Each structure stands twice: as C-alpha cells, then as structure tokens.
Amino acid sequence: MESVIPGDVLSALEVARRNVRKMRTRHLVVAGDREHRIMKLTGSGFVIEADGLPHLRGYVDIMLGEERIARRLAVVDWARDGLVAYEFKHDASSRETPADYVKPERLGLLEAPEG
C-alpha cells in the first residue's frame, strides 16, 4: 500500500525543518547592514536562506554571537530550493599567499643614489 503526502504538507515540513536548523546555529554572516543566519558552515563556505534580495557580494564577516570569528571574500557557489551557497575565495586573516596569486619571477630592484 502506497501513501502520498500532499505537496502543501511537504512544503510545511520543509519550512519547519529549516526553522529548526536556523534555531540551532548561532553563526551569522554580516555584509554591510544585512545580517543572515547561517544554515550550514564549512571550512570552504556557508549556506543561507535565499530571501529574494540580491546575492551577497564581496567581503563578509562571520559572526558567532557578537564575536567576529572571520572576515572572508565570498562568492555564490549555487542557488536552489530556497537556499544559496557561498564559497570562500580569500581568508583576510591568513598570512599565506592566495592559491590563485602568481608571483612574478623577478621584482624590480631599487638602487641607492650615488653621491
């Protein structure tokens, strides 16, 4: 015997599941005056709910409660099912050279004036 769950019930269950996930996390992403609760945070990015506003662009602050734990350059990775995933492109707190940065073979040398 098969049972079919109506679409509106499935939608309500999905909304409830997202609300529970949002209540569990204390992580926020802040971009300018916009603040979003992070649904999922990984070492390479994060997922937030799509809210109908334009995508976040540029540097964002990752917050844990009131404390800023990171400042990262974020770009959109994917958007589907009411969620948007962002990937970190640059860690502003890192002292390492970004992976996509090419060092020139030779740098110009400055010579002291003769005198």
PDB file of N, CA and C in Angstrom:
ATOM      1  N   MET A   1       0.840  -1.166   0.000  1.00  0.00           N
ATOM      2  CA  MET A   1       0.000   0.000   0.000  1.00  0.00           C
ATOM      3  C   MET A   1       0.892   1.238   0.000  1.00  0.00           C
ATOM      4  N   GLU A   2       0.623   2.142  -0.929  1.00  0.00           N
ATOM      5  CA  GLU A   2       1.397   3.369  -1.045  1.00  0.00           C
ATOM      6  C   GLU A   2       0.617   4.536  -0.460  1.00  0.00           C
ATOM      7  N   SER A   3       1.342   5.442   0.182  1.00  0.00           N
ATOM      8  CA  SER A   3       0.694   6.659   0.682  1.00  0.00           C
ATOM      9  C   SER A   3       1.387   7.858   0.052  1.00  0.00           C
ATOM     10  N   VAL A   4       0.608   8.824  -0.332  1.00  0.00           N
ATOM     11  CA  VAL A   4       1.136  10.026  -0.978  1.00  0.00           C
ATOM     12  C   VAL A   4       0.870  11.214  -0.059  1.00  0.00           C
ATOM     13  N   ILE A   5       1.930  11.959   0.201  1.00  0.00           N
ATOM     14  CA  ILE A   5       1.800  13.140   1.057  1.00  0.00           C
ATOM     15  C   ILE A   5       1.545  14.341   0.154  1.00  0.00           C
ATOM     16  N   PRO A   6       0.506  15.106   0.431  1.00  0.00           N
ATOM     17  CA  PRO A   6       0.209  16.277  -0.401  1.00  0.00           C
ATOM     18  C   PRO A   6       1.358  17.285  -0.411  1.00  0.00           C
ATOM     19  N   GLY A   7       1.485  18.013  -1.522  1.00  0.00           N
ATOM     20  CA  GLY A   7       2.570  18.978  -1.706  1.00  0.00           C
ATOM     21  C   GLY A   7       2.604  20.065  -0.652  1.00  0.00           C
ATOM     22  N   ASP A   8       1.426  20.540  -0.212  1.00  0.00           N
ATOM     23  CA  ASP A   8       1.426  21.605   0.801  1.00  0.00           C
ATOM     24  C   ASP A   8       1.926  21.103   2.148  1.00  0.00           C
ATOM     25  N   VAL A   9       1.685  19.830   2.442  1.00  0.00           N
ATOM     26  CA  VAL A   9       2.201  19.238   3.680  1.00  0.00           C
ATOM     27  C   VAL A   9       3.716  19.106   3.602  1.00  0.00           C
ATOM     28  N   LEU A  10       4.225  18.671   2.427  1.00  0.00           N
ATOM     29  CA  LEU A  10       5.673  18.567   2.250  1.00  0.00           C
ATOM     30  C   LEU A  10       6.344  19.932   2.363  1.00  0.00           C
ATOM     31  N   SER A  11       5.717  20.955   1.805  1.00  0.00           N
ATOM     32  CA  SER A  11       6.265  22.313   1.905  1.00  0.00           C
ATOM     33  C   SER A  11       6.318  22.787   3.350  1.00  0.00           C
ATOM     34  N   ALA A  12       5.249  22.514   4.099  1.00  0.00           N
ATOM     35  CA  ALA A  12       5.211  22.912   5.507  1.00  0.00           C
ATOM     36  C   ALA A  12       6.277  22.172   6.307  1.00  0.00           C
ATOM     37  N   LEU A  13       6.502  20.908   6.002  1.00  0.00           N
ATOM     38  CA  LEU A  13       7.542  20.133   6.693  1.00  0.00           C
ATOM     39  C   LEU A  13       8.929  20.697   6.385  1.00  0.00           C
ATOM     40  N   GLU A  14       9.157  21.104   5.140  1.00  0.00           N
ATOM     41  CA  GLU A  14      10.442  21.685   4.759  1.00  0.00           C
ATOM     42  C   GLU A  14      10.689  23.009   5.481  1.00  0.00           C
ATOM     43  N   VAL A  15       9.677  23.839   5.586  1.00  0.00           N
ATOM     44  CA  VAL A  15       9.789  25.112   6.305  1.00  0.00           C
ATOM     45  C   VAL A  15      10.100  24.855   7.776  1.00  0.00           C
ATOM     46  N   ALA A  16       9.424  23.900   8.374  1.00  0.00           N
ATOM     47  CA  ALA A  16       9.663  23.567   9.779  1.00  0.00           C
ATOM     48  C   ALA A  16      11.080  23.044   9.986  1.00  0.00           C
ATOM     49  N   ARG A  17      11.561  22.221   9.054  1.00  0.00           N
ATOM     50  CA  ARG A  17      12.922  21.671   9.153  1.00  0.00           C
ATOM     51  C   ARG A  17      13.951  22.794   9.074  1.00  0.00           C
ATOM     52  N   ARG A  18      13.756  23.752   8.176  1.00  0.00           N
ATOM     53  CA  ARG A  18      14.688  24.883   8.060  1.00  0.00           C
ATOM     54  C   ARG A  18      14.662  25.753   9.313  1.00  0.00           C
ATOM     55  N   ASN A  19      13.487  25.963   9.873  1.00  0.00           N
ATOM     56  CA  ASN A  19      13.387  26.776  11.090  1.00  0.00           C
ATOM     57  C   ASN A  19      14.132  26.136  12.249  1.00  0.00           C
ATOM     58  N   VAL A  20      14.054  24.818  12.363  1.00  0.00           N
ATOM     59  CA  VAL A  20      14.781  24.110  13.423  1.00  0.00           C
ATOM     60  C   VAL A  20      16.278  24.268  13.211  1.00  0.00           C
ATOM     61  N   ARG A  21      16.752  24.147  11.957  1.00  0.00           N
ATOM     62  CA  ARG A  21      18.176  24.311  11.678  1.00  0.00           C
ATOM     63  C   ARG A  21      18.647  25.723  11.999  1.00  0.00           C
ATOM     64  N   LYS A  22      17.828  26.719  11.693  1.00  0.00           N
ATOM     65  CA  LYS A  22      18.204  28.108  11.979  1.00  0.00           C
ATOM     66  C   LYS A  22      18.294  28.356  13.478  1.00  0.00           C
ATOM     67  N   MET A  23      17.415  27.735  14.254  1.00  0.00           N
ATOM     68  CA  MET A  23      17.435  27.946  15.705  1.00  0.00           C
ATOM     69  C   MET A  23      18.647  27.287  16.340  1.00  0.00           C
ATOM     70  N   ARG A  24      19.184  26.236  15.733  1.00  0.00           N
ATOM     71  CA  ARG A  24      20.321  25.521  16.313  1.00  0.00           C
ATOM     72  C   ARG A  24      21.629  26.298  16.203  1.00  0.00           C
ATOM     73  N   THR A  25      21.783  27.091  15.169  1.00  0.00           N
ATOM     74  CA  THR A  25      23.058  27.755  14.937  1.00  0.00           C
ATOM     75  C   THR A  25      23.081  29.171  15.510  1.00  0.00           C
ATOM     76  N   ARG A  26      24.263  29.572  15.959  1.00  0.00           N
ATOM     77  CA  ARG A  26      24.458  30.941  16.429  1.00  0.00           C
ATOM     78  C   ARG A  26      25.331  31.719  15.454  1.00  0.00           C
ATOM     79  N   HIS A  27      25.708  31.071  14.343  1.00  0.00           N
ATOM     80  CA  HIS A  27      26.563  31.723  13.357  1.00  0.00           C
ATOM     81  C   HIS A  27      25.737  32.634  12.454  1.00  0.00           C
ATOM     82  N   LEU A  28      26.289  33.810  12.214  1.00  0.00           N
ATOM     83  CA  LEU A  28      25.663  34.787  11.317  1.00  0.00           C
ATOM     84  C   LEU A  28      26.684  35.224  10.282  1.00  0.00           C
ATOM     85  N   VAL A  29      26.191  35.628   9.118  1.00  0.00           N
ATOM     86  CA  VAL A  29      27.035  36.278   8.132  1.00  0.00           C
ATOM     87  C   VAL A  29      26.517  37.711   8.005  1.00  0.00           C
ATOM     88  N   VAL A  30      27.447  38.669   8.074  1.00  0.00           N
ATOM     89  CA  VAL A  30      27.087  40.082   8.021  1.00  0.00           C
ATOM     90  C   VAL A  30      27.801  40.708   6.832  1.00  0.00           C
ATOM     91  N   ALA A  31      27.014  41.356   5.973  1.00  0.00           N
ATOM     92  CA  ALA A  31      27.551  42.069   4.816  1.00  0.00           C
ATOM     93  C   ALA A  31      26.909  43.447   4.807  1.00  0.00           C
ATOM     94  N   GLY A  32      27.695  44.447   5.161  1.00  0.00           N
ATOM     95  CA  GLY A  32      27.142  45.801   5.259  1.00  0.00           C
ATOM     96  C   GLY A  32      26.101  45.858   6.362  1.00  0.00           C
ATOM     97  N   ASP A  33      24.877  46.253   6.013  1.00  0.00           N
ATOM     98  CA  ASP A  33      23.809  46.320   7.013  1.00  0.00           C
ATOM     99  C   ASP A  33      22.912  45.085   6.967  1.00  0.00           C
ATOM    100  N   ARG A  34      23.266  44.107   6.140  1.00  0.00           N
ATOM    101  CA  ARG A  34      22.477  42.872   6.033  1.00  0.00           C
ATOM    102  C   ARG A  34      23.068  41.785   6.919  1.00  0.00           C
ATOM    103  N   GLU A  35      22.196  41.072   7.595  1.00  0.00           N
ATOM    104  CA  GLU A  35      22.603  40.015   8.516  1.00  0.00           C
ATOM    105  C   GLU A  35      21.761  38.779   8.221  1.00  0.00           C
ATOM    106  N   HIS A  36      22.421  37.622   8.062  1.00  0.00           N
ATOM    107  CA  HIS A  36      21.715  36.382   7.745  1.00  0.00           C
ATOM    108  C   HIS A  36      22.194  35.273   8.675  1.00  0.00           C
ATOM    109  N   ARG A  37      21.278  34.457   9.122  1.00  0.00           N
ATOM    110  CA  ARG A  37      21.637  33.301   9.923  1.00  0.00           C
ATOM    111  C   ARG A  37      22.182  32.225   8.992  1.00  0.00           C
ATOM    112  N   ILE A  38      23.309  31.641   9.347  1.00  0.00           N
ATOM    113  CA  ILE A  38      23.950  30.613   8.528  1.00  0.00           C
ATOM    114  C   ILE A  38      23.292  29.267   8.817  1.00  0.00           C
ATOM    115  N   MET A  39      22.843  28.615   7.751  1.00  0.00           N
ATOM    116  CA  MET A  39      22.217  27.303   7.883  1.00  0.00           C
ATOM    117  C   MET A  39      23.273  26.215   8.043  1.00  0.00           C
ATOM    118  N   LYS A  40      24.380  26.361   7.277  1.00  0.00           N
ATOM    119  CA  LYS A  40      25.465  25.381   7.322  1.00  0.00           C
ATOM    120  C   LYS A  40      26.770  26.120   7.090  1.00  0.00           C
ATOM    121  N   LEU A  41      27.763  25.858   7.935  1.00  0.00           N
ATOM    122  CA  LEU A  41      29.064  26.498   7.830  1.00  0.00           C
ATOM    123  C   LEU A  41      30.128  25.430   7.707  1.00  0.00           C
ATOM    124  N   THR A  42      30.970  25.539   6.668  1.00  0.00           N
ATOM    125  CA  THR A  42      32.077  24.602   6.481  1.00  0.00           C
ATOM    126  C   THR A  42      33.368  25.409   6.372  1.00  0.00           C
ATOM    127  N   GLY A  43      34.468  24.735   6.251  1.00  0.00           N
ATOM    128  CA  GLY A  43      35.742  25.422   6.092  1.00  0.00           C
ATOM    129  C   GLY A  43      35.879  26.140   4.766  1.00  0.00           C
ATOM    130  N   SER A  44      35.067  25.752   3.772  1.00  0.00           N
ATOM    131  CA  SER A  44      35.184  26.355   2.447  1.00  0.00           C
ATOM    132  C   SER A  44      34.018  27.253   2.077  1.00  0.00           C
ATOM    133  N   GLY A  45      33.024  27.400   2.968  1.00  0.00           N
ATOM    134  CA  GLY A  45      31.895  28.259   2.643  1.00  0.00           C
ATOM    135  C   GLY A  45      30.744  28.131   3.615  1.00  0.00           C
ATOM    136  N   PHE A  46      29.574  28.624   3.186  1.00  0.00           N
ATOM    137  CA  PHE A  46      28.397  28.583   4.041  1.00  0.00           C
ATOM    138  C   PHE A  46      27.140  28.583   3.181  1.00  0.00           C
ATOM    139  N   VAL A  47      26.026  28.219   3.803  1.00  0.00           N
ATOM    140  CA  VAL A  47      24.722  28.191   3.140  1.00  0.00           C
ATOM    141  C   VAL A  47      23.757  29.034   3.966  1.00  0.00           C
ATOM    142  N   ILE A  48      22.996  29.900   3.273  1.00  0.00           N
ATOM    143  CA  ILE A  48      21.960  30.701   3.924  1.00  0.00           C
ATOM    144  C   ILE A  48      20.668  30.547   3.136  1.00  0.00           C
ATOM    145  N   GLU A  49      19.571  31.005   3.736  1.00  0.00           N
ATOM    146  CA  GLU A  49      18.304  31.010   3.031  1.00  0.00           C
ATOM    147  C   GLU A  49      18.298  32.133   2.003  1.00  0.00           C
ATOM    148  N   ALA A  50      17.754  31.838   0.824  1.00  0.00           N
ATOM    149  CA  ALA A  50      17.576  32.888  -0.186  1.00  0.00           C
ATOM    150  C   ALA A  50      16.381  33.714   0.256  1.00  0.00           C
ATOM    151  N   ASP A  51      16.560  35.024   0.329  1.00  0.00           N
ATOM    152  CA  ASP A  51      15.497  35.868   0.862  1.00  0.00           C
ATOM    153  C   ASP A  51      14.897  36.793  -0.187  1.00  0.00           C
ATOM    154  N   GLY A  52      15.176  36.538  -1.462  1.00  0.00           N
ATOM    155  CA  GLY A  52      14.625  37.374  -2.514  1.00  0.00           C
ATOM    156  C   GLY A  52      15.425  38.631  -2.776  1.00  0.00           C
ATOM    157  N   LEU A  53      16.394  38.940  -1.919  1.00  0.00           N
ATOM    158  CA  LEU A  53      17.251  40.102  -2.112  1.00  0.00           C
ATOM    159  C   LEU A  53      18.426  39.702  -2.999  1.00  0.00           C
ATOM    160  N   PRO A  54      19.146  40.658  -3.556  1.00  0.00           N
ATOM    161  CA  PRO A  54      20.320  40.307  -4.368  1.00  0.00           C
ATOM    162  C   PRO A  54      21.325  39.505  -3.541  1.00  0.00           C
ATOM    163  N   HIS A  55      22.111  38.693  -4.240  1.00  0.00           N
ATOM    164  CA  HIS A  55      23.126  37.885  -3.559  1.00  0.00           C
ATOM    165  C   HIS A  55      24.128  38.767  -2.831  1.00  0.00           C
ATOM    166  N   LEU A  56      24.718  38.216  -1.778  1.00  0.00           N
ATOM    167  CA  LEU A  56      25.794  38.904  -1.083  1.00  0.00           C
ATOM    168  C   LEU A  56      26.984  38.998  -2.036  1.00  0.00           C
ATOM    169  N   ARG A  57      27.765  40.060  -1.894  1.00  0.00           N
ATOM    170  CA  ARG A  57      28.941  40.235  -2.736  1.00  0.00           C
ATOM    171  C   ARG A  57      30.077  40.789  -1.906  1.00  0.00           C
ATOM    172  N   GLY A  58      31.281  40.313  -2.172  1.00  0.00           N
ATOM    173  CA  GLY A  58      32.460  40.878  -1.548  1.00  0.00           C
ATOM    174  C   GLY A  58      32.776  40.287  -0.184  1.00  0.00           C
ATOM    175  N   TYR A  59      33.403  41.104   0.640  1.00  0.00           N
ATOM    176  CA  TYR A  59      33.826  40.643   1.958  1.00  0.00           C
ATOM    177  C   TYR A  59      32.648  40.584   2.914  1.00  0.00           C
ATOM    178  N   VAL A  60      32.611  39.507   3.684  1.00  0.00           N
ATOM    179  CA  VAL A  60      31.570  39.325   4.693  1.00  0.00           C
ATOM    180  C   VAL A  60      32.241  38.974   6.017  1.00  0.00           C
ATOM    181  N   ASP A  61      31.549  39.281   7.105  1.00  0.00           N
ATOM    182  CA  ASP A  61      32.019  38.903   8.435  1.00  0.00           C
ATOM    183  C   ASP A  61      31.235  37.686   8.893  1.00  0.00           C
ATOM    184  N   ILE A  62      31.937  36.699   9.405  1.00  0.00           N
ATOM    185  CA  ILE A  62      31.306  35.520  10.000  1.00  0.00           C
ATOM    186  C   ILE A  62      31.313  35.746  11.504  1.00  0.00           C
ATOM    187  N   MET A  63      30.134  35.731  12.085  1.00  0.00           N
ATOM    188  CA  MET A  63      29.975  36.032  13.498  1.00  0.00           C
ATOM    189  C   MET A  63      29.524  34.790  14.264  1.00  0.00           C
ATOM    190  N   LEU A  64      29.993  34.671  15.487  1.00  0.00           N
ATOM    191  CA  LEU A  64      29.499  33.672  16.431  1.00  0.00           C
ATOM    192  C   LEU A  64      28.953  34.471  17.595  1.00  0.00           C
ATOM    193  N   GLY A  65      27.634  34.643  17.602  1.00  0.00           N
ATOM    194  CA  GLY A  65      27.016  35.536  18.571  1.00  0.00           C
ATOM    195  C   GLY A  65      27.420  36.956  18.250  1.00  0.00           C
ATOM    196  N   GLU A  66      28.072  37.639  19.174  1.00  0.00           N
ATOM    197  CA  GLU A  66      28.520  39.021  18.966  1.00  0.00           C
ATOM    198  C   GLU A  66      29.983  39.110  18.540  1.00  0.00           C
ATOM    199  N   GLU A  67      30.678  37.969  18.505  1.00  0.00           N
ATOM    200  CA  GLU A  67      32.112  37.960  18.211  1.00  0.00           C
ATOM    201  C   GLU A  67      32.371  37.645  16.739  1.00  0.00           C
ATOM    202  N   ARG A  68      33.184  38.484  16.079  1.00  0.00           N
ATOM    203  CA  ARG A  68      33.569  38.208  14.691  1.00  0.00           C
ATOM    204  C   ARG A  68      34.666  37.156  14.710  1.00  0.00           C
ATOM    205  N   ILE A  69      34.426  36.043  14.043  1.00  0.00           N
ATOM    206  CA  ILE A  69      35.416  34.965  14.027  1.00  0.00           C
ATOM    207  C   ILE A  69      36.186  34.908  12.713  1.00  0.00           C
ATOM    208  N   ALA A  70      35.676  35.577  11.652  1.00  0.00           N
ATOM    209  CA  ALA A  70      36.389  35.574  10.378  1.00  0.00           C
ATOM    210  C   ALA A  70      35.875  36.696   9.488  1.00  0.00           C
ATOM    211  N   ARG A  71      36.729  37.121   8.587  1.00  0.00           N
ATOM    212  CA  ARG A  71      36.345  38.057   7.527  1.00  0.00           C
ATOM    213  C   ARG A  71      36.820  37.408   6.236  1.00  0.00           C
ATOM    214  N   ARG A  72      35.884  37.116   5.343  1.00  0.00           N
ATOM    215  CA  ARG A  72      36.209  36.363   4.135  1.00  0.00           C
ATOM    216  C   ARG A  72      35.603  37.010   2.894  1.00  0.00           C
ATOM    217  N   LEU A  73      36.232  36.774   1.767  1.00  0.00           N
ATOM    218  CA  LEU A  73      35.670  37.139   0.475  1.00  0.00           C
ATOM    219  C   LEU A  73      34.808  35.965   0.032  1.00  0.00           C
ATOM    220  N   ALA A  74      33.527  36.215  -0.197  1.00  0.00           N
ATOM    221  CA  ALA A  74      32.591  35.147  -0.529  1.00  0.00           C
ATOM    222  C   ALA A  74      31.976  35.385  -1.904  1.00  0.00           C
ATOM    223  N   VAL A  75      31.824  34.302  -2.667  1.00  0.00           N
ATOM    224  CA  VAL A  75      31.156  34.349  -3.964  1.00  0.00           C
ATOM    225  C   VAL A  75      30.106  33.251  -4.015  1.00  0.00           C
ATOM    226  N   VAL A  76      29.077  33.458  -4.831  1.00  0.00           N
ATOM    227  CA  VAL A  76      27.993  32.482  -4.929  1.00  0.00           C
ATOM    228  C   VAL A  76      28.515  31.201  -5.561  1.00  0.00           C
ATOM    229  N   ASP A  77      28.162  30.079  -4.965  1.00  0.00           N
ATOM    230  CA  ASP A  77      28.520  28.767  -5.489  1.00  0.00           C
ATOM    231  C   ASP A  77      27.319  28.153  -6.208  1.00  0.00           C
ATOM    232  N   TRP A  78      26.170  28.097  -5.534  1.00  0.00           N
ATOM    233  CA  TRP A  78      24.934  27.592  -6.133  1.00  0.00           C
ATOM    234  C   TRP A  78      23.727  28.168  -5.419  1.00  0.00           C
ATOM    235  N   ALA A  79      22.574  28.117  -6.090  1.00  0.00           N
ATOM    236  CA  ALA A  79      21.311  28.570  -5.508  1.00  0.00           C
ATOM    237  C   ALA A  79      20.221  27.614  -5.988  1.00  0.00           C
ATOM    238  N   ARG A  80      19.498  27.021  -5.041  1.00  0.00           N
ATOM    239  CA  ARG A  80      18.395  26.119  -5.380  1.00  0.00           C
ATOM    240  C   ARG A  80      17.569  25.836  -4.129  1.00  0.00           C
ATOM    241  N   ASP A  81      16.324  25.480  -4.341  1.00  0.00           N
ATOM    242  CA  ASP A  81      15.415  25.076  -3.259  1.00  0.00           C
ATOM    243  C   ASP A  81      15.334  26.097  -2.131  1.00  0.00           C
ATOM    244  N   GLY A  82      15.410  27.376  -2.453  1.00  0.00           N
ATOM    245  CA  GLY A  82      15.293  28.412  -1.436  1.00  0.00           C
ATOM    246  C   GLY A  82      16.552  28.633  -0.617  1.00  0.00           C
ATOM    247  N   LEU A  83      17.665  28.032  -1.024  1.00  0.00           N
ATOM    248  CA  LEU A  83      18.941  28.185  -0.322  1.00  0.00           C
ATOM    249  C   LEU A  83      19.992  28.725  -1.281  1.00  0.00           C
ATOM    250  N   VAL A  84      20.989  29.417  -0.743  1.00  0.00           N
ATOM    251  CA  VAL A  84      22.115  29.919  -1.530  1.00  0.00           C
ATOM    252  C   VAL A  84      23.399  29.520  -0.815  1.00  0.00           C
ATOM    253  N   ALA A  85      24.329  28.924  -1.559  1.00  0.00           N
ATOM    254  CA  ALA A  85      25.624  28.543  -1.002  1.00  0.00           C
ATOM    255  C   ALA A  85      26.691  29.505  -1.500  1.00  0.00           C
ATOM    256  N   TYR A  86      27.583  29.878  -0.615  1.00  0.00           N
ATOM    257  CA  TYR A  86      28.691  30.763  -0.933  1.00  0.00           C
ATOM    258  C   TYR A  86      29.996  30.034  -0.657  1.00  0.00           C
ATOM    259  N   GLU A  87      31.002  30.325  -1.477  1.00  0.00           N
ATOM    260  CA  GLU A  87      32.314  29.734  -1.318  1.00  0.00           C
ATOM    261  C   GLU A  87      33.285  30.837  -0.910  1.00  0.00           C
ATOM    262  N   PHE A  88      34.198  30.506   0.003  1.00  0.00           N
ATOM    263  CA  PHE A  88      35.213  31.473   0.409  1.00  0.00           C
ATOM    264  C   PHE A  88      36.308  31.516  -0.649  1.00  0.00           C
ATOM    265  N   LYS A  89      36.654  32.724  -1.072  1.00  0.00           N
ATOM    266  CA  LYS A  89      37.724  32.883  -2.044  1.00  0.00           C
ATOM    267  C   LYS A  89      38.999  33.391  -1.409  1.00  0.00           C
ATOM    268  N   HIS A  90      38.902  34.055  -0.282  1.00  0.00           N
ATOM    269  CA  HIS A  90      40.086  34.652   0.322  1.00  0.00           C
ATOM    270  C   HIS A  90      39.872  34.785   1.815  1.00  0.00           C
ATOM    271  N   ASP A  91      40.860  34.382   2.564  1.00  0.00           N
ATOM    272  CA  ASP A  91      40.822  34.490   4.013  1.00  0.00           C
ATOM    273  C   ASP A  91      41.648  35.719   4.396  1.00  0.00           C
ATOM    274  N   ALA A  92      40.987  36.782   4.811  1.00  0.00           N
ATOM    275  CA  ALA A  92      41.678  38.037   5.119  1.00  0.00           C
ATOM    276  C   ALA A  92      42.589  37.915   6.326  1.00  0.00           C
ATOM    277  N   SER A  93      42.369  36.930   7.177  1.00  0.00           N
ATOM    278  CA  SER A  93      43.210  36.789   8.356  1.00  0.00           C
ATOM    279  C   SER A  93      44.427  35.908   8.090  1.00  0.00           C
ATOM    280  N   SER A  94      44.472  35.270   6.951  1.00  0.00           N
ATOM    281  CA  SER A  94      45.565  34.357   6.629  1.00  0.00           C
ATOM    282  C   SER A  94      46.812  35.129   6.226  1.00  0.00           C
ATOM    283  N   ARG A  95      47.948  34.604   6.587  1.00  0.00           N
ATOM    284  CA  ARG A  95      49.208  35.211   6.192  1.00  0.00           C
ATOM    285  C   ARG A  95      49.776  34.541   4.947  1.00  0.00           C
ATOM    286  N   GLU A  96      49.117  33.504   4.469  1.00  0.00           N
ATOM    287  CA  GLU A  96      49.596  32.788   3.295  1.00  0.00           C
ATOM    288  C   GLU A  96      49.167  33.506   2.023  1.00  0.00           C
ATOM    289  N   THR A  97      49.920  33.288   0.945  1.00  0.00           N
ATOM    290  CA  THR A  97      49.575  33.848  -0.346  1.00  0.00           C
ATOM    291  C   THR A  97      48.380  33.089  -0.901  1.00  0.00           C
ATOM    292  N   PRO A  98      47.359  33.791  -1.434  1.00  0.00           N
ATOM    293  CA  PRO A  98      46.219  33.090  -2.017  1.00  0.00           C
ATOM    294  C   PRO A  98      46.667  32.123  -3.116  1.00  0.00           C
ATOM    295  N   ALA A  99      45.971  31.005  -3.255  1.00  0.00           N
ATOM    296  CA  ALA A  99      46.352  29.958  -4.199  1.00  0.00           C
ATOM    297  C   ALA A  99      46.316  30.438  -5.644  1.00  0.00           C
ATOM    298  N   ASP A 100      45.481  31.392  -5.982  1.00  0.00           N
ATOM    299  CA  ASP A 100      45.385  31.843  -7.367  1.00  0.00           C
ATOM    300  C   ASP A 100      46.266  33.057  -7.656  1.00  0.00           C
ATOM    301  N   TYR A 101      47.162  33.404  -6.747  1.00  0.00           N
ATOM    302  CA  TYR A 101      48.082  34.525  -6.933  1.00  0.00           C
ATOM    303  C   TYR A 101      49.364  34.020  -7.575  1.00  0.00           C
ATOM    304  N   VAL A 102      49.792  34.664  -8.663  1.00  0.00           N
ATOM    305  CA  VAL A 102      51.022  34.273  -9.347  1.00  0.00           C
ATOM    306  C   VAL A 102      52.101  35.289  -8.996  1.00  0.00           C
ATOM    307  N   LYS A 103      53.187  34.783  -8.424  1.00  0.00           N
ATOM    308  CA  LYS A 103      54.305  35.665  -8.080  1.00  0.00           C
ATOM    309  C   LYS A 103      55.132  35.936  -9.333  1.00  0.00           C
ATOM    310  N   PRO A 104      55.513  37.180  -9.546  1.00  0.00           N
ATOM    311  CA  PRO A 104      56.389  37.464 -10.692  1.00  0.00           C
ATOM    312  C   PRO A 104      57.758  36.819 -10.474  1.00  0.00           C
ATOM    313  N   GLU A 105      58.419  36.471 -11.583  1.00  0.00           N
ATOM    314  CA  GLU A 105      59.725  35.823 -11.455  1.00  0.00           C
ATOM    315  C   GLU A 105      60.768  36.762 -10.866  1.00  0.00           C
ATOM    316  N   ARG A 106      60.741  38.028 -11.286  1.00  0.00           N
ATOM    317  CA  ARG A 106      61.704  38.998 -10.784  1.00  0.00           C
ATOM    318  C   ARG A 106      60.982  40.254 -10.373  1.00  0.00           C
ATOM    319  N   LEU A 107      61.410  40.785  -9.309  1.00  0.00           N
ATOM    320  CA  LEU A 107      60.886  42.071  -8.870  1.00  0.00           C
ATOM    321  C   LEU A 107      61.925  43.142  -9.164  1.00  0.00           C
ATOM    322  N   GLY A 108      61.492  44.339  -9.409  1.00  0.00           N
ATOM    323  CA  GLY A 108      62.434  45.438  -9.674  1.00  0.00           C
ATOM    324  C   GLY A 108      63.252  45.754  -8.440  1.00  0.00           C
ATOM    325  N   LEU A 109      64.502  46.055  -8.648  1.00  0.00           N
ATOM    326  CA  LEU A 109      65.389  46.398  -7.537  1.00  0.00           C
ATOM    327  C   LEU A 109      65.615  47.898  -7.523  1.00  0.00           C
ATOM    328  N   LEU A 110      65.617  48.468  -6.374  1.00  0.00           N
ATOM    329  CA  LEU A 110      65.909  49.896  -6.213  1.00  0.00           C
ATOM    330  C   LEU A 110      67.386  50.030  -5.851  1.00  0.00           C
ATOM    331  N   GLU A 111      68.027  50.958  -6.510  1.00  0.00           N
ATOM    332  CA  GLU A 111      69.431  51.194  -6.214  1.00  0.00           C
ATOM    333  C   GLU A 111      69.571  52.523  -5.469  1.00  0.00           C
ATOM    334  N   ALA A 112      70.529  52.575  -4.588  1.00  0.00           N
ATOM    335  CA  ALA A 112      70.787  53.802  -3.848  1.00  0.00           C
ATOM    336  C   ALA A 112      71.400  54.837  -4.780  1.00  0.00           C
ATOM    337  N   PRO A 113      71.025  56.098  -4.616  1.00  0.00           N
ATOM    338  CA  PRO A 113      71.630  57.135  -5.467  1.00  0.00           C
ATOM    339  C   PRO A 113      73.108  57.288  -5.142  1.00  0.00           C
ATOM    340  N   GLU A 114      73.841  57.565  -6.201  1.00  0.00           N
ATOM    341  CA  GLU A 114      75.295  57.764  -5.995  1.00  0.00           C
ATOM    342  C   GLU A 114      75.541  59.182  -5.511  1.00  0.00           C
ATOM    343  N   GLY A 115      76.452  59.316  -4.682  1.00  0.00           N
ATOM    344  CA  GLY A 115      76.643  60.671  -4.240  1.00  0.00           C
ATOM    345  C   GLY A 115      77.716  60.897  -3.367  1.00  0.00           C
TER     346      GLY A 115
END
